[in-house]
């Protein structure tokens, strides 16, 4: 779902611009960020950076 949502945002910002910013091909980004896509994590991170987003991981609770 995350990749598909990123695809929606990337299309709204202009996929050609995102492709240029990431150095990835426009067509491959369309495929990777579709509902059926399965992008590499590096691609997701690159698109997030191009959109000015940051990915963070946070523990749900304190370790025992």
C-alpha atoms as a PDB file:
ATOM      1  CA  UNK A   1       0.000   0.000   0.000  1.00  0.00           C
ATOM      2  CA  UNK A   2       2.869   2.356   0.747  1.00  0.00           C
ATOM      3  CA  UNK A   3       4.367   2.103  -2.741  1.00  0.00           C
ATOM      4  CA  UNK A   4       0.945   2.678  -4.336  1.00  0.00           C
ATOM      5  CA  UNK A   5       0.346   5.743  -2.134  1.00  0.00           C
ATOM      6  CA  UNK A   6       3.796   7.081  -3.035  1.00  0.00           C
ATOM      7  CA  UNK A   7       2.892   6.569  -6.678  1.00  0.00           C
ATOM      8  CA  UNK A   8      -0.219   8.717  -6.270  1.00  0.00           C
ATOM      9  CA  UNK A   9       1.823  11.493  -4.658  1.00  0.00           C
ATOM     10  CA  UNK A  10       4.627  11.172  -7.224  1.00  0.00           C
ATOM     11  CA  UNK A  11       2.146  11.448 -10.101  1.00  0.00           C
ATOM     12  CA  UNK A  12       0.646  14.543  -8.473  1.00  0.00           C
ATOM     13  CA  UNK A  13       4.128  16.114  -8.305  1.00  0.00           C
ATOM     14  CA  UNK A  14       5.014  14.988 -11.819  1.00  0.00           C
ATOM     15  CA  UNK A  15       6.552  11.582 -12.380  1.00  0.00           C
ATOM     16  CA  UNK A  16       9.082  13.032 -14.845  1.00  0.00           C
ATOM     17  CA  UNK A  17      10.370  15.370 -12.126  1.00  0.00           C
ATOM     18  CA  UNK A  18      10.594  12.547  -9.603  1.00  0.00           C
ATOM     19  CA  UNK A  19      12.382  10.330 -12.134  1.00  0.00           C
ATOM     20  CA  UNK A  20      14.897  13.089 -12.840  1.00  0.00           C
ATOM     21  CA  UNK A  21      15.489  13.692  -9.112  1.00  0.00           C
ATOM     22  CA  UNK A  22      15.998  10.006  -8.372  1.00  0.00           C
ATOM     23  CA  UNK A  23      17.938   9.104 -11.508  1.00  0.00           C
ATOM     24  CA  UNK A  24      15.440   6.321 -12.200  1.00  0.00           C
ATOM     25  CA  UNK A  25      13.426   5.795 -15.378  1.00  0.00           C
ATOM     26  CA  UNK A  26       9.950   7.300 -15.517  1.00  0.00           C
ATOM     27  CA  UNK A  27       8.332   4.132 -16.872  1.00  0.00           C
ATOM     28  CA  UNK A  28      10.034   1.926 -14.275  1.00  0.00           C
ATOM     29  CA  UNK A  29       8.798   4.252 -11.532  1.00  0.00           C
ATOM     30  CA  UNK A  30       5.229   4.034 -12.856  1.00  0.00           C
ATOM     31  CA  UNK A  31       5.469   0.230 -12.703  1.00  0.00           C
ATOM     32  CA  UNK A  32       7.211   0.057  -9.326  1.00  0.00           C
ATOM     33  CA  UNK A  33       4.808   2.516  -7.693  1.00  0.00           C
ATOM     34  CA  UNK A  34       1.625   0.942  -9.035  1.00  0.00           C
ATOM     35  CA  UNK A  35      -0.793  -1.171  -6.989  1.00  0.00           C
ATOM     36  CA  UNK A  36       0.817  -4.288  -8.518  1.00  0.00           C
ATOM     37  CA  UNK A  37       4.383  -2.982  -8.166  1.00  0.00           C
ATOM     38  CA  UNK A  38       7.028  -4.408  -5.881  1.00  0.00           C
ATOM     39  CA  UNK A  39       9.742  -1.732  -5.628  1.00  0.00           C
ATOM     40  CA  UNK A  40      13.051  -2.213  -3.922  1.00  0.00           C
ATOM     41  CA  UNK A  41      13.353  -0.397  -0.613  1.00  0.00           C
ATOM     42  CA  UNK A  42      16.058   1.816  -2.146  1.00  0.00           C
ATOM     43  CA  UNK A  43      13.534   2.975  -4.750  1.00  0.00           C
ATOM     44  CA  UNK A  44      10.984   3.814  -2.052  1.00  0.00           C
ATOM     45  CA  UNK A  45      13.625   5.789  -0.151  1.00  0.00           C
ATOM     46  CA  UNK A  46      14.769   7.630  -3.290  1.00  0.00           C
ATOM     47  CA  UNK A  47      11.196   8.643  -4.128  1.00  0.00           C
ATOM     48  CA  UNK A  48      10.594   9.751  -0.549  1.00  0.00           C
ATOM     49  CA  UNK A  49      13.730  11.919  -0.687  1.00  0.00           C
ATOM     50  CA  UNK A  50      12.647  13.403  -4.027  1.00  0.00           C
ATOM     51  CA  UNK A  51       9.265  14.276  -2.500  1.00  0.00           C
ATOM     52  CA  UNK A  52      10.877  15.816   0.586  1.00  0.00           C
ATOM     53  CA  UNK A  53       9.657  13.020   2.838  1.00  0.00           C
ATOM     54  CA  UNK A  54      11.539  11.170   5.535  1.00  0.00           C
ATOM     55  CA  UNK A  55      11.074   7.531   6.560  1.00  0.00           C
ATOM     56  CA  UNK A  56      11.376   6.787  10.277  1.00  0.00           C
ATOM     57  CA  UNK A  57      11.119   3.596  12.313  1.00  0.00           C
ATOM     58  CA  UNK A  58      10.013   3.853  15.918  1.00  0.00           C
ATOM     59  CA  UNK A  59       9.608   1.175  18.569  1.00  0.00           C
ATOM     60  CA  UNK A  60       5.985   0.590  19.538  1.00  0.00           C
ATOM     61  CA  UNK A  61       7.003   0.052  23.144  1.00  0.00           C
ATOM     62  CA  UNK A  62      10.045   0.087  25.373  1.00  0.00           C
ATOM     63  CA  UNK A  63      12.089  -3.122  25.285  1.00  0.00           C
ATOM     64  CA  UNK A  64      11.915  -5.303  28.424  1.00  0.00           C
END
